[in-house]
């Protein structure tokens, strides 16, 4: 009894090539999404002195096999503003920014998958 593995080998090659083609496009989509979330967070953050808004930034890291984006403030009180404290009501700005931009990000990623 024998097995014909030509189809599996071809599929493996196709998947590898698809990943190589998708990498740069995925990186662009992640960069755009992180910048969009950053912009919306800066627009929605409550402003007293402007320090919290000024510390919101984004960063994208791309390696051979993955892309990740991070957005948030470096001000040490940013989380307290977002989630509130026992003495202060929450004033979310990061969560809503992410929620507003998630559908476009998901749609762009789905389009990449459909093209490949």
PDB file of N, CA and C in Angstrom:
ATOM      1  N   UNK A   1       0.850  -1.177   0.000  1.00  0.00           N
ATOM      2  CA  UNK A   1       0.000   0.000   0.000  1.00  0.00           C
ATOM      3  C   UNK A   1       0.894   1.238   0.000  1.00  0.00           C
ATOM      4  N   UNK A   2       0.589   2.198  -0.859  1.00  0.00           N
ATOM      5  CA  UNK A   2       1.401   3.405  -0.953  1.00  0.00           C
ATOM      6  C   UNK A   2       0.551   4.658  -0.831  1.00  0.00           C
ATOM      7  N   UNK A   3       1.214   5.757  -0.589  1.00  0.00           N
ATOM      8  CA  UNK A   3       0.548   7.053  -0.458  1.00  0.00           C
ATOM      9  C   UNK A   3       1.129   8.018  -1.476  1.00  0.00           C
ATOM     10  N   UNK A   4       0.271   8.808  -2.069  1.00  0.00           N
ATOM     11  CA  UNK A   4       0.708   9.848  -2.996  1.00  0.00           C
ATOM     12  C   UNK A   4       0.757  11.162  -2.211  1.00  0.00           C
ATOM     13  N   UNK A   5       1.959  11.661  -1.975  1.00  0.00           N
ATOM     14  CA  UNK A   5       2.127  12.860  -1.164  1.00  0.00           C
ATOM     15  C   UNK A   5       2.402  14.107  -2.007  1.00  0.00           C
ATOM     16  N   UNK A   6       2.276  13.999  -3.315  1.00  0.00           N
ATOM     17  CA  UNK A   6       2.533  15.160  -4.165  1.00  0.00           C
ATOM     18  C   UNK A   6       1.621  16.326  -3.817  1.00  0.00           C
ATOM     19  N   UNK A   7       0.370  16.052  -3.563  1.00  0.00           N
ATOM     20  CA  UNK A   7      -0.581  17.107  -3.214  1.00  0.00           C
ATOM     21  C   UNK A   7      -0.227  17.779  -1.901  1.00  0.00           C
ATOM     22  N   UNK A   8       0.223  16.997  -0.937  1.00  0.00           N
ATOM     23  CA  UNK A   8       0.607  17.555   0.363  1.00  0.00           C
ATOM     24  C   UNK A   8       1.850  18.420   0.212  1.00  0.00           C
ATOM     25  N   UNK A   9       2.805  17.958  -0.549  1.00  0.00           N
ATOM     26  CA  UNK A   9       4.020  18.754  -0.773  1.00  0.00           C
ATOM     27  C   UNK A   9       3.693  20.069  -1.483  1.00  0.00           C
ATOM     28  N   UNK A  10       2.839  19.999  -2.480  1.00  0.00           N
ATOM     29  CA  UNK A  10       2.448  21.208  -3.214  1.00  0.00           C
ATOM     30  C   UNK A  10       1.710  22.171  -2.284  1.00  0.00           C
ATOM     31  N   UNK A  11       0.826  21.646  -1.447  1.00  0.00           N
ATOM     32  CA  UNK A  11       0.104  22.487  -0.500  1.00  0.00           C
ATOM     33  C   UNK A  11       1.072  23.131   0.491  1.00  0.00           C
ATOM     34  N   UNK A  12       2.038  22.378   0.951  1.00  0.00           N
ATOM     35  CA  UNK A  12       3.043  22.915   1.872  1.00  0.00           C
ATOM     36  C   UNK A  12       3.817  24.056   1.227  1.00  0.00           C
ATOM     37  N   UNK A  13       4.205  23.879  -0.009  1.00  0.00           N
ATOM     38  CA  UNK A  13       4.921  24.929  -0.740  1.00  0.00           C
ATOM     39  C   UNK A  13       4.029  26.147  -0.927  1.00  0.00           C
ATOM     40  N   UNK A  14       2.776  25.917  -1.319  1.00  0.00           N
ATOM     41  CA  UNK A  14       1.833  27.026  -1.508  1.00  0.00           C
ATOM     42  C   UNK A  14       1.630  27.812  -0.218  1.00  0.00           C
ATOM     43  N   UNK A  15       1.494  27.115   0.911  1.00  0.00           N
ATOM     44  CA  UNK A  15       1.299  27.797   2.195  1.00  0.00           C
ATOM     45  C   UNK A  15       2.533  28.611   2.585  1.00  0.00           C
ATOM     46  N   UNK A  16       3.701  28.069   2.346  1.00  0.00           N
ATOM     47  CA  UNK A  16       4.939  28.778   2.655  1.00  0.00           C
ATOM     48  C   UNK A  16       5.029  30.054   1.808  1.00  0.00           C
ATOM     49  N   UNK A  17       4.723  29.936   0.526  1.00  0.00           N
ATOM     50  CA  UNK A  17       4.776  31.097  -0.364  1.00  0.00           C
ATOM     51  C   UNK A  17       3.712  32.131   0.017  1.00  0.00           C
ATOM     52  N   UNK A  18       2.541  31.662   0.402  1.00  0.00           N
ATOM     53  CA  UNK A  18       1.476  32.580   0.817  1.00  0.00           C
ATOM     54  C   UNK A  18       1.910  33.368   2.047  1.00  0.00           C
ATOM     55  N   UNK A  19       2.565  32.695   2.982  1.00  0.00           N
ATOM     56  CA  UNK A  19       3.054  33.373   4.177  1.00  0.00           C
ATOM     57  C   UNK A  19       4.085  34.424   3.839  1.00  0.00           C
ATOM     58  N   UNK A  20       4.958  34.134   2.895  1.00  0.00           N
ATOM     59  CA  UNK A  20       5.981  35.100   2.478  1.00  0.00           C
ATOM     60  C   UNK A  20       5.355  36.311   1.788  1.00  0.00           C
ATOM     61  N   UNK A  21       4.318  36.063   0.995  1.00  0.00           N
ATOM     62  CA  UNK A  21       3.623  37.159   0.318  1.00  0.00           C
ATOM     63  C   UNK A  21       2.826  37.996   1.311  1.00  0.00           C
ATOM     64  N   UNK A  22       2.210  37.335   2.285  1.00  0.00           N
ATOM     65  CA  UNK A  22       1.323  38.022   3.221  1.00  0.00           C
ATOM     66  C   UNK A  22       2.080  38.853   4.245  1.00  0.00           C
ATOM     67  N   UNK A  23       3.302  38.462   4.589  1.00  0.00           N
ATOM     68  CA  UNK A  23       4.040  39.137   5.653  1.00  0.00           C
ATOM     69  C   UNK A  23       4.084  40.647   5.538  1.00  0.00           C
ATOM     70  N   UNK A  24       4.553  41.200   4.421  1.00  0.00           N
ATOM     71  CA  UNK A  24       4.616  42.664   4.297  1.00  0.00           C
ATOM     72  C   UNK A  24       3.242  43.330   4.341  1.00  0.00           C
ATOM     73  N   UNK A  25       2.245  42.662   3.784  1.00  0.00           N
ATOM     74  CA  UNK A  25       0.898  43.230   3.785  1.00  0.00           C
ATOM     75  C   UNK A  25       0.335  43.223   5.206  1.00  0.00           C
ATOM     76  N   UNK A  26       0.543  42.135   5.919  1.00  0.00           N
ATOM     77  CA  UNK A  26       0.088  42.052   7.309  1.00  0.00           C
ATOM     78  C   UNK A  26       0.762  43.137   8.144  1.00  0.00           C
ATOM     79  N   UNK A  27       2.036  43.344   7.923  1.00  0.00           N
ATOM     80  CA  UNK A  27       2.742  44.390   8.678  1.00  0.00           C
ATOM     81  C   UNK A  27       2.123  45.761   8.417  1.00  0.00           C
ATOM     82  N   UNK A  28       1.788  46.057   7.177  1.00  0.00           N
ATOM     83  CA  UNK A  28       1.135  47.335   6.860  1.00  0.00           C
ATOM     84  C   UNK A  28      -0.208  47.471   7.561  1.00  0.00           C
ATOM     85  N   UNK A  29      -0.985  46.390   7.564  1.00  0.00           N
ATOM     86  CA  UNK A  29      -2.300  46.419   8.213  1.00  0.00           C
ATOM     87  C   UNK A  29      -2.141  46.644   9.715  1.00  0.00           C
ATOM     88  N   UNK A  30      -1.189  45.967  10.336  1.00  0.00           N
ATOM     89  CA  UNK A  30      -0.961  46.136  11.771  1.00  0.00           C
ATOM     90  C   UNK A  30      -0.485  47.559  12.061  1.00  0.00           C
ATOM     91  N   UNK A  31       0.412  48.084  11.247  1.00  0.00           N
ATOM     92  CA  UNK A  31       0.883  49.472  11.438  1.00  0.00           C
ATOM     93  C   UNK A  31      -0.269  50.466  11.346  1.00  0.00           C
ATOM     94  N   UNK A  32      -1.105  50.309  10.343  1.00  0.00           N
ATOM     95  CA  UNK A  32      -2.235  51.223  10.189  1.00  0.00           C
ATOM     96  C   UNK A  32      -3.182  51.109  11.377  1.00  0.00           C
ATOM     97  N   UNK A  33      -3.473  49.887  11.793  1.00  0.00           N
ATOM     98  CA  UNK A  33      -4.394  49.698  12.924  1.00  0.00           C
ATOM     99  C   UNK A  33      -3.837  50.322  14.199  1.00  0.00           C
ATOM    100  N   UNK A  34      -2.554  50.130  14.471  1.00  0.00           N
ATOM    101  CA  UNK A  34      -2.001  50.707  15.698  1.00  0.00           C
ATOM    102  C   UNK A  34      -2.009  52.230  15.640  1.00  0.00           C
ATOM    103  N   UNK A  35      -1.713  52.804  14.479  1.00  0.00           N
ATOM    104  CA  UNK A  35      -1.771  54.263  14.353  1.00  0.00           C
ATOM    105  C   UNK A  35      -3.196  54.778  14.491  1.00  0.00           C
ATOM    106  N   UNK A  36      -4.174  54.047  13.949  1.00  0.00           N
ATOM    107  CA  UNK A  36      -5.573  54.446  14.071  1.00  0.00           C
ATOM    108  C   UNK A  36      -6.035  54.396  15.527  1.00  0.00           C
ATOM    109  N   UNK A  37      -5.646  53.340  16.247  1.00  0.00           N
ATOM    110  CA  UNK A  37      -6.016  53.238  17.663  1.00  0.00           C
ATOM    111  C   UNK A  37      -5.341  54.354  18.448  1.00  0.00           C
ATOM    112  N   UNK A  38      -4.078  54.612  18.154  1.00  0.00           N
ATOM    113  CA  UNK A  38      -3.365  55.704  18.837  1.00  0.00           C
ATOM    114  C   UNK A  38      -4.085  57.037  18.613  1.00  0.00           C
ATOM    115  N   UNK A  39      -4.422  57.319  17.372  1.00  0.00           N
ATOM    116  CA  UNK A  39      -5.119  58.570  17.046  1.00  0.00           C
ATOM    117  C   UNK A  39      -6.436  58.691  17.795  1.00  0.00           C
ATOM    118  N   UNK A  40      -7.233  57.620  17.785  1.00  0.00           N
ATOM    119  CA  UNK A  40      -8.524  57.656  18.458  1.00  0.00           C
ATOM    120  C   UNK A  40      -8.375  57.761  19.973  1.00  0.00           C
ATOM    121  N   UNK A  41      -7.379  57.095  20.539  1.00  0.00           N
ATOM    122  CA  UNK A  41      -7.145  57.182  21.985  1.00  0.00           C
ATOM    123  C   UNK A  41      -6.773  58.610  22.364  1.00  0.00           C
ATOM    124  N   UNK A  42      -5.940  59.250  21.570  1.00  0.00           N
ATOM    125  CA  UNK A  42      -5.549  60.633  21.848  1.00  0.00           C
ATOM    126  C   UNK A  42      -6.739  61.578  21.729  1.00  0.00           C
ATOM    127  N   UNK A  43      -7.646  61.254  20.824  1.00  0.00           N
ATOM    128  CA  UNK A  43      -8.847  62.068  20.666  1.00  0.00           C
ATOM    129  C   UNK A  43      -9.804  61.876  21.842  1.00  0.00           C
ATOM    130  N   UNK A  44      -9.892  60.657  22.361  1.00  0.00           N
ATOM    131  CA  UNK A  44     -10.875  60.345  23.393  1.00  0.00           C
ATOM    132  C   UNK A  44     -10.387  60.432  24.825  1.00  0.00           C
ATOM    133  N   UNK A  45      -9.088  60.630  25.040  1.00  0.00           N
ATOM    134  CA  UNK A  45      -8.573  60.650  26.405  1.00  0.00           C
ATOM    135  C   UNK A  45      -9.013  61.936  27.109  1.00  0.00           C
ATOM    136  N   UNK A  46      -9.435  61.824  28.371  1.00  0.00           N
ATOM    137  CA  UNK A  46      -9.762  63.039  29.112  1.00  0.00           C
ATOM    138  C   UNK A  46      -8.494  63.878  29.310  1.00  0.00           C
ATOM    139  N   UNK A  47      -8.619  65.186  29.163  1.00  0.00           N
ATOM    140  CA  UNK A  47      -7.452  66.059  29.229  1.00  0.00           C
ATOM    141  C   UNK A  47      -7.577  67.015  30.407  1.00  0.00           C
ATOM    142  N   UNK A  48      -6.573  66.985  31.249  1.00  0.00           N
ATOM    143  CA  UNK A  48      -6.442  67.975  32.314  1.00  0.00           C
ATOM    144  C   UNK A  48      -5.221  68.827  31.985  1.00  0.00           C
ATOM    145  N   UNK A  49      -4.051  68.231  32.047  1.00  0.00           N
ATOM    146  CA  UNK A  49      -2.819  68.948  31.705  1.00  0.00           C
ATOM    147  C   UNK A  49      -2.338  68.607  30.302  1.00  0.00           C
ATOM    148  N   UNK A  50      -2.829  67.520  29.729  1.00  0.00           N
ATOM    149  CA  UNK A  50      -2.380  67.070  28.417  1.00  0.00           C
ATOM    150  C   UNK A  50      -1.244  66.065  28.484  1.00  0.00           C
ATOM    151  N   UNK A  51      -0.748  65.794  29.683  1.00  0.00           N
ATOM    152  CA  UNK A  51       0.364  64.857  29.833  1.00  0.00           C
ATOM    153  C   UNK A  51      -0.020  63.449  29.395  1.00  0.00           C
ATOM    154  N   UNK A  52      -1.176  62.965  29.823  1.00  0.00           N
ATOM    155  CA  UNK A  52      -1.580  61.603  29.472  1.00  0.00           C
ATOM    156  C   UNK A  52      -1.693  61.461  27.961  1.00  0.00           C
ATOM    157  N   UNK A  53      -2.332  62.403  27.321  1.00  0.00           N
ATOM    158  CA  UNK A  53      -2.475  62.353  25.857  1.00  0.00           C
ATOM    159  C   UNK A  53      -1.108  62.357  25.175  1.00  0.00           C
ATOM    160  N   UNK A  54      -0.192  63.157  25.688  1.00  0.00           N
ATOM    161  CA  UNK A  54       1.137  63.265  25.078  1.00  0.00           C
ATOM    162  C   UNK A  54       1.942  61.978  25.195  1.00  0.00           C
ATOM    163  N   UNK A  55       1.603  61.129  26.165  1.00  0.00           N
ATOM    164  CA  UNK A  55       2.382  59.895  26.345  1.00  0.00           C
ATOM    165  C   UNK A  55       1.801  58.700  25.603  1.00  0.00           C
ATOM    166  N   UNK A  56       0.671  58.858  24.956  1.00  0.00           N
ATOM    167  CA  UNK A  56       0.090  57.748  24.192  1.00  0.00           C
ATOM    168  C   UNK A  56       0.880  57.590  22.902  1.00  0.00           C
ATOM    169  N   UNK A  57       1.379  56.386  22.676  1.00  0.00           N
ATOM    170  CA  UNK A  57       2.154  56.113  21.469  1.00  0.00           C
ATOM    171  C   UNK A  57       1.920  54.678  21.030  1.00  0.00           C
ATOM    172  N   UNK A  58       2.436  54.357  19.871  1.00  0.00           N
ATOM    173  CA  UNK A  58       2.288  52.996  19.357  1.00  0.00           C
ATOM    174  C   UNK A  58       3.638  52.500  18.856  1.00  0.00           C
ATOM    175  N   UNK A  59       3.747  51.179  18.806  1.00  0.00           N
ATOM    176  CA  UNK A  59       4.973  50.543  18.342  1.00  0.00           C
ATOM    177  C   UNK A  59       4.595  49.248  17.640  1.00  0.00           C
ATOM    178  N   UNK A  60       5.254  48.974  16.547  1.00  0.00           N
ATOM    179  CA  UNK A  60       5.031  47.727  15.807  1.00  0.00           C
ATOM    180  C   UNK A  60       6.352  46.982  15.736  1.00  0.00           C
ATOM    181  N   UNK A  61       6.302  45.706  16.053  1.00  0.00           N
ATOM    182  CA  UNK A  61       7.473  44.831  15.977  1.00  0.00           C
ATOM    183  C   UNK A  61       7.192  43.756  14.937  1.00  0.00           C
ATOM    184  N   UNK A  62       8.096  43.633  13.986  1.00  0.00           N
ATOM    185  CA  UNK A  62       7.942  42.616  12.943  1.00  0.00           C
ATOM    186  C   UNK A  62       9.191  41.740  12.929  1.00  0.00           C
ATOM    187  N   UNK A  63       8.957  40.444  12.991  1.00  0.00           N
ATOM    188  CA  UNK A  63      10.042  39.481  12.858  1.00  0.00           C
ATOM    189  C   UNK A  63       9.731  38.595  11.670  1.00  0.00           C
ATOM    190  N   UNK A  64      10.554  37.616  11.440  1.00  0.00           N
ATOM    191  CA  UNK A  64      10.359  36.737  10.284  1.00  0.00           C
ATOM    192  C   UNK A  64       9.014  36.024  10.326  1.00  0.00           C
ATOM    193  N   UNK A  65       8.524  35.697  11.513  1.00  0.00           N
ATOM    194  CA  UNK A  65       7.300  34.910  11.580  1.00  0.00           C
ATOM    195  C   UNK A  65       6.119  35.575  12.243  1.00  0.00           C
ATOM    196  N   UNK A  66       6.271  36.828  12.717  1.00  0.00           N
ATOM    197  CA  UNK A  66       5.136  37.447  13.401  1.00  0.00           C
ATOM    198  C   UNK A  66       5.216  38.964  13.329  1.00  0.00           C
ATOM    199  N   UNK A  67       4.069  39.571  13.535  1.00  0.00           N
ATOM    200  CA  UNK A  67       3.955  41.022  13.613  1.00  0.00           C
ATOM    201  C   UNK A  67       3.070  41.327  14.808  1.00  0.00           C
ATOM    202  N   UNK A  68       3.501  42.277  15.637  1.00  0.00           N
ATOM    203  CA  UNK A  68       2.670  42.669  16.773  1.00  0.00           C
ATOM    204  C   UNK A  68       2.695  44.177  16.913  1.00  0.00           C
ATOM    205  N   UNK A  69       1.585  44.709  17.378  1.00  0.00           N
ATOM    206  CA  UNK A  69       1.472  46.137  17.607  1.00  0.00           C
ATOM    207  C   UNK A  69       1.049  46.399  19.035  1.00  0.00           C
ATOM    208  N   UNK A  70       1.548  47.484  19.592  1.00  0.00           N
ATOM    209  CA  UNK A  70       1.217  47.862  20.964  1.00  0.00           C
ATOM    210  C   UNK A  70       0.903  49.349  20.986  1.00  0.00           C
ATOM    211  N   UNK A  71      -0.180  49.695  21.681  1.00  0.00           N
ATOM    212  CA  UNK A  71      -0.594  51.087  21.796  1.00  0.00           C
ATOM    213  C   UNK A  71      -0.930  51.350  23.249  1.00  0.00           C
ATOM    214  N   UNK A  72      -0.489  52.476  23.761  1.00  0.00           N
ATOM    215  CA  UNK A  72      -0.853  52.834  25.126  1.00  0.00           C
ATOM    216  C   UNK A  72      -0.050  53.997  25.638  1.00  0.00           C
ATOM    217  N   UNK A  73      -0.414  54.463  26.820  1.00  0.00           N
ATOM    218  CA  UNK A  73       0.312  55.573  27.422  1.00  0.00           C
ATOM    219  C   UNK A  73       1.506  55.078  28.233  1.00  0.00           C
ATOM    220  N   UNK A  74       2.474  55.932  28.380  1.00  0.00           N
ATOM    221  CA  UNK A  74       3.574  55.618  29.286  1.00  0.00           C
ATOM    222  C   UNK A  74       3.373  56.310  30.632  1.00  0.00           C
ATOM    223  N   UNK A  75       2.423  57.220  30.740  1.00  0.00           N
ATOM    224  CA  UNK A  75       2.129  57.861  32.025  1.00  0.00           C
ATOM    225  C   UNK A  75       1.663  56.791  33.004  1.00  0.00           C
ATOM    226  N   UNK A  76       2.218  56.799  34.198  1.00  0.00           N
ATOM    227  CA  UNK A  76       1.939  55.733  35.163  1.00  0.00           C
ATOM    228  C   UNK A  76       0.495  55.720  35.646  1.00  0.00           C
ATOM    229  N   UNK A  77      -0.278  56.746  35.402  1.00  0.00           N
ATOM    230  CA  UNK A  77      -1.666  56.799  35.864  1.00  0.00           C
ATOM    231  C   UNK A  77      -2.675  56.499  34.753  1.00  0.00           C
ATOM    232  N   UNK A  78      -2.190  56.148  33.572  1.00  0.00           N
ATOM    233  CA  UNK A  78      -3.082  55.884  32.446  1.00  0.00           C
ATOM    234  C   UNK A  78      -4.100  54.792  32.722  1.00  0.00           C
ATOM    235  N   UNK A  79      -3.676  53.730  33.384  1.00  0.00           N
ATOM    236  CA  UNK A  79      -4.593  52.627  33.691  1.00  0.00           C
ATOM    237  C   UNK A  79      -5.665  53.059  34.685  1.00  0.00           C
ATOM    238  N   UNK A  80      -5.305  53.926  35.633  1.00  0.00           N
ATOM    239  CA  UNK A  80      -6.289  54.396  36.618  1.00  0.00           C
ATOM    240  C   UNK A  80      -7.370  55.229  35.945  1.00  0.00           C
ATOM    241  N   UNK A  81      -6.997  56.032  34.961  1.00  0.00           N
ATOM    242  CA  UNK A  81      -7.978  56.815  34.217  1.00  0.00           C
ATOM    243  C   UNK A  81      -8.889  55.873  33.424  1.00  0.00           C
ATOM    244  N   UNK A  82      -8.299  54.897  32.767  1.00  0.00           N
ATOM    245  CA  UNK A  82      -9.068  53.946  31.943  1.00  0.00           C
ATOM    246  C   UNK A  82     -10.056  53.140  32.777  1.00  0.00           C
ATOM    247  N   UNK A  83      -9.580  52.576  33.880  1.00  0.00           N
ATOM    248  CA  UNK A  83     -10.404  51.645  34.670  1.00  0.00           C
ATOM    249  C   UNK A  83     -11.053  52.265  35.900  1.00  0.00           C
ATOM    250  N   UNK A  84     -10.594  53.429  36.305  1.00  0.00           N
ATOM    251  CA  UNK A  84     -11.119  54.069  37.503  1.00  0.00           C
ATOM    252  C   UNK A  84     -10.451  53.515  38.752  1.00  0.00           C
ATOM    253  N   UNK A  85     -10.785  54.134  39.865  1.00  0.00           N
ATOM    254  CA  UNK A  85     -10.288  53.698  41.168  1.00  0.00           C
ATOM    255  C   UNK A  85     -11.458  53.708  42.136  1.00  0.00           C
ATOM    256  N   UNK A  86     -11.192  53.418  43.395  1.00  0.00           N
ATOM    257  CA  UNK A  86     -12.262  53.459  44.395  1.00  0.00           C
ATOM    258  C   UNK A  86     -12.764  54.883  44.610  1.00  0.00           C
ATOM    259  N   UNK A  87     -11.973  55.879  44.199  1.00  0.00           N
ATOM    260  CA  UNK A  87     -12.353  57.279  44.399  1.00  0.00           C
ATOM    261  C   UNK A  87     -12.622  58.031  43.098  1.00  0.00           C
ATOM    262  N   UNK A  88     -12.460  57.338  41.963  1.00  0.00           N
ATOM    263  CA  UNK A  88     -12.616  58.004  40.675  1.00  0.00           C
ATOM    264  C   UNK A  88     -13.301  57.059  39.687  1.00  0.00           C
ATOM    265  N   UNK A  89     -14.309  57.576  39.022  1.00  0.00           N
ATOM    266  CA  UNK A  89     -15.019  56.774  38.011  1.00  0.00           C
ATOM    267  C   UNK A  89     -14.108  56.539  36.812  1.00  0.00           C
ATOM    268  N   UNK A  90     -14.291  55.401  36.126  1.00  0.00           N
ATOM    269  CA  UNK A  90     -13.483  55.149  34.930  1.00  0.00           C
ATOM    270  C   UNK A  90     -13.811  56.144  33.826  1.00  0.00           C
ATOM    271  N   UNK A  91     -12.788  56.478  33.062  1.00  0.00           N
ATOM    272  CA  UNK A  91     -12.949  57.333  31.893  1.00  0.00           C
ATOM    273  C   UNK A  91     -12.235  56.647  30.723  1.00  0.00           C
ATOM    274  N   UNK A  92     -12.844  55.579  30.208  1.00  0.00           N
ATOM    275  CA  UNK A  92     -12.166  54.765  29.194  1.00  0.00           C
ATOM    276  C   UNK A  92     -11.845  55.550  27.927  1.00  0.00           C
ATOM    277  N   UNK A  93     -10.670  55.326  27.430  1.00  0.00           N
ATOM    278  CA  UNK A  93     -10.238  55.936  26.174  1.00  0.00           C
ATOM    279  C   UNK A  93      -9.511  54.919  25.302  1.00  0.00           C
ATOM    280  N   UNK A  94      -8.781  53.969  25.912  1.00  0.00           N
ATOM    281  CA  UNK A  94      -8.076  52.955  25.123  1.00  0.00           C
ATOM    282  C   UNK A  94      -9.059  51.896  24.613  1.00  0.00           C
ATOM    283  N   UNK A  95      -9.904  51.381  25.494  1.00  0.00           N
ATOM    284  CA  UNK A  95     -10.873  50.353  25.095  1.00  0.00           C
ATOM    285  C   UNK A  95     -11.774  50.811  23.961  1.00  0.00           C
ATOM    286  N   UNK A  96     -12.390  51.994  24.097  1.00  0.00           N
ATOM    287  CA  UNK A  96     -13.230  52.482  23.000  1.00  0.00           C
ATOM    288  C   UNK A  96     -12.463  52.695  21.692  1.00  0.00           C
ATOM    289  N   UNK A  97     -11.216  53.161  21.799  1.00  0.00           N
ATOM    290  CA  UNK A  97     -10.408  53.350  20.581  1.00  0.00           C
ATOM    291  C   UNK A  97     -10.169  52.012  19.898  1.00  0.00           C
ATOM    292  N   UNK A  98      -9.868  51.005  20.682  1.00  0.00           N
ATOM    293  CA  UNK A  98      -9.668  49.666  20.122  1.00  0.00           C
ATOM    294  C   UNK A  98     -10.968  49.132  19.529  1.00  0.00           C
ATOM    295  N   UNK A  99     -12.065  49.294  20.247  1.00  0.00           N
ATOM    296  CA  UNK A  99     -13.361  48.812  19.758  1.00  0.00           C
ATOM    297  C   UNK A  99     -13.748  49.464  18.433  1.00  0.00           C
ATOM    298  N   UNK A 100     -13.471  50.753  18.287  1.00  0.00           N
ATOM    299  CA  UNK A 100     -13.828  51.449  17.041  1.00  0.00           C
ATOM    300  C   UNK A 100     -13.004  50.963  15.855  1.00  0.00           C
ATOM    301  N   UNK A 101     -11.781  50.543  16.093  1.00  0.00           N
ATOM    302  CA  UNK A 101     -10.884  50.175  14.999  1.00  0.00           C
ATOM    303  C   UNK A 101     -10.790  48.681  14.734  1.00  0.00           C
ATOM    304  N   UNK A 102     -11.274  47.859  15.646  1.00  0.00           N
ATOM    305  CA  UNK A 102     -11.184  46.406  15.479  1.00  0.00           C
ATOM    306  C   UNK A 102     -11.899  45.896  14.221  1.00  0.00           C
ATOM    307  N   UNK A 103     -13.119  46.377  13.911  1.00  0.00           N
ATOM    308  CA  UNK A 103     -13.783  45.841  12.712  1.00  0.00           C
ATOM    309  C   UNK A 103     -12.999  46.067  11.420  1.00  0.00           C
ATOM    310  N   UNK A 104     -12.402  47.237  11.254  1.00  0.00           N
ATOM    311  CA  UNK A 104     -11.626  47.511  10.037  1.00  0.00           C
ATOM    312  C   UNK A 104     -10.385  46.628   9.977  1.00  0.00           C
ATOM    313  N   UNK A 105      -9.747  46.413  11.135  1.00  0.00           N
ATOM    314  CA  UNK A 105      -8.578  45.547  11.195  1.00  0.00           C
ATOM    315  C   UNK A 105      -8.964  44.116  10.823  1.00  0.00           C
ATOM    316  N   UNK A 106     -10.038  43.629  11.412  1.00  0.00           N
ATOM    317  CA  UNK A 106     -10.486  42.263  11.121  1.00  0.00           C
ATOM    318  C   UNK A 106     -10.859  42.105   9.656  1.00  0.00           C
ATOM    319  N   UNK A 107     -11.503  43.108   9.087  1.00  0.00           N
ATOM    320  CA  UNK A 107     -11.882  43.050   7.676  1.00  0.00           C
ATOM    321  C   UNK A 107     -10.643  43.030   6.780  1.00  0.00           C
ATOM    322  N   UNK A 108      -9.662  43.856   7.092  1.00  0.00           N
ATOM    323  CA  UNK A 108      -8.431  43.887   6.298  1.00  0.00           C
ATOM    324  C   UNK A 108      -7.697  42.554   6.371  1.00  0.00           C
ATOM    325  N   UNK A 109      -7.637  41.961   7.562  1.00  0.00           N
ATOM    326  CA  UNK A 109      -6.976  40.662   7.701  1.00  0.00           C
ATOM    327  C   UNK A 109      -7.740  39.583   6.925  1.00  0.00           C
ATOM    328  N   UNK A 110      -9.060  39.633   6.954  1.00  0.00           N
ATOM    329  CA  UNK A 110      -9.862  38.663   6.206  1.00  0.00           C
ATOM    330  C   UNK A 110      -9.624  38.810   4.706  1.00  0.00           C
ATOM    331  N   UNK A 111      -9.460  40.025   4.234  1.00  0.00           N
ATOM    332  CA  UNK A 111      -9.196  40.246   2.809  1.00  0.00           C
ATOM    333  C   UNK A 111      -7.836  39.648   2.412  1.00  0.00           C
ATOM    334  N   UNK A 112      -6.876  39.769   3.306  1.00  0.00           N
ATOM    335  CA  UNK A 112      -5.559  39.164   3.018  1.00  0.00           C
ATOM    336  C   UNK A 112      -5.693  37.663   2.871  1.00  0.00           C
ATOM    337  N   UNK A 113      -6.419  37.050   3.786  1.00  0.00           N
ATOM    338  CA  UNK A 113      -6.623  35.600   3.739  1.00  0.00           C
ATOM    339  C   UNK A 113      -7.367  35.214   2.465  1.00  0.00           C
ATOM    340  N   UNK A 114      -8.394  35.977   2.100  1.00  0.00           N
ATOM    341  CA  UNK A 114      -9.168  35.669   0.887  1.00  0.00           C
ATOM    342  C   UNK A 114      -8.303  35.760  -0.368  1.00  0.00           C
ATOM    343  N   UNK A 115      -7.406  36.742  -0.422  1.00  0.00           N
ATOM    344  CA  UNK A 115      -6.552  36.915  -1.598  1.00  0.00           C
ATOM    345  C   UNK A 115      -5.560  35.779  -1.748  1.00  0.00           C
ATOM    346  N   UNK A 116      -5.104  35.252  -0.611  1.00  0.00           N
ATOM    347  CA  UNK A 116      -4.109  34.201  -0.677  1.00  0.00           C
ATOM    348  C   UNK A 116      -4.772  32.848  -0.818  1.00  0.00           C
TER     349      UNK A 116
END
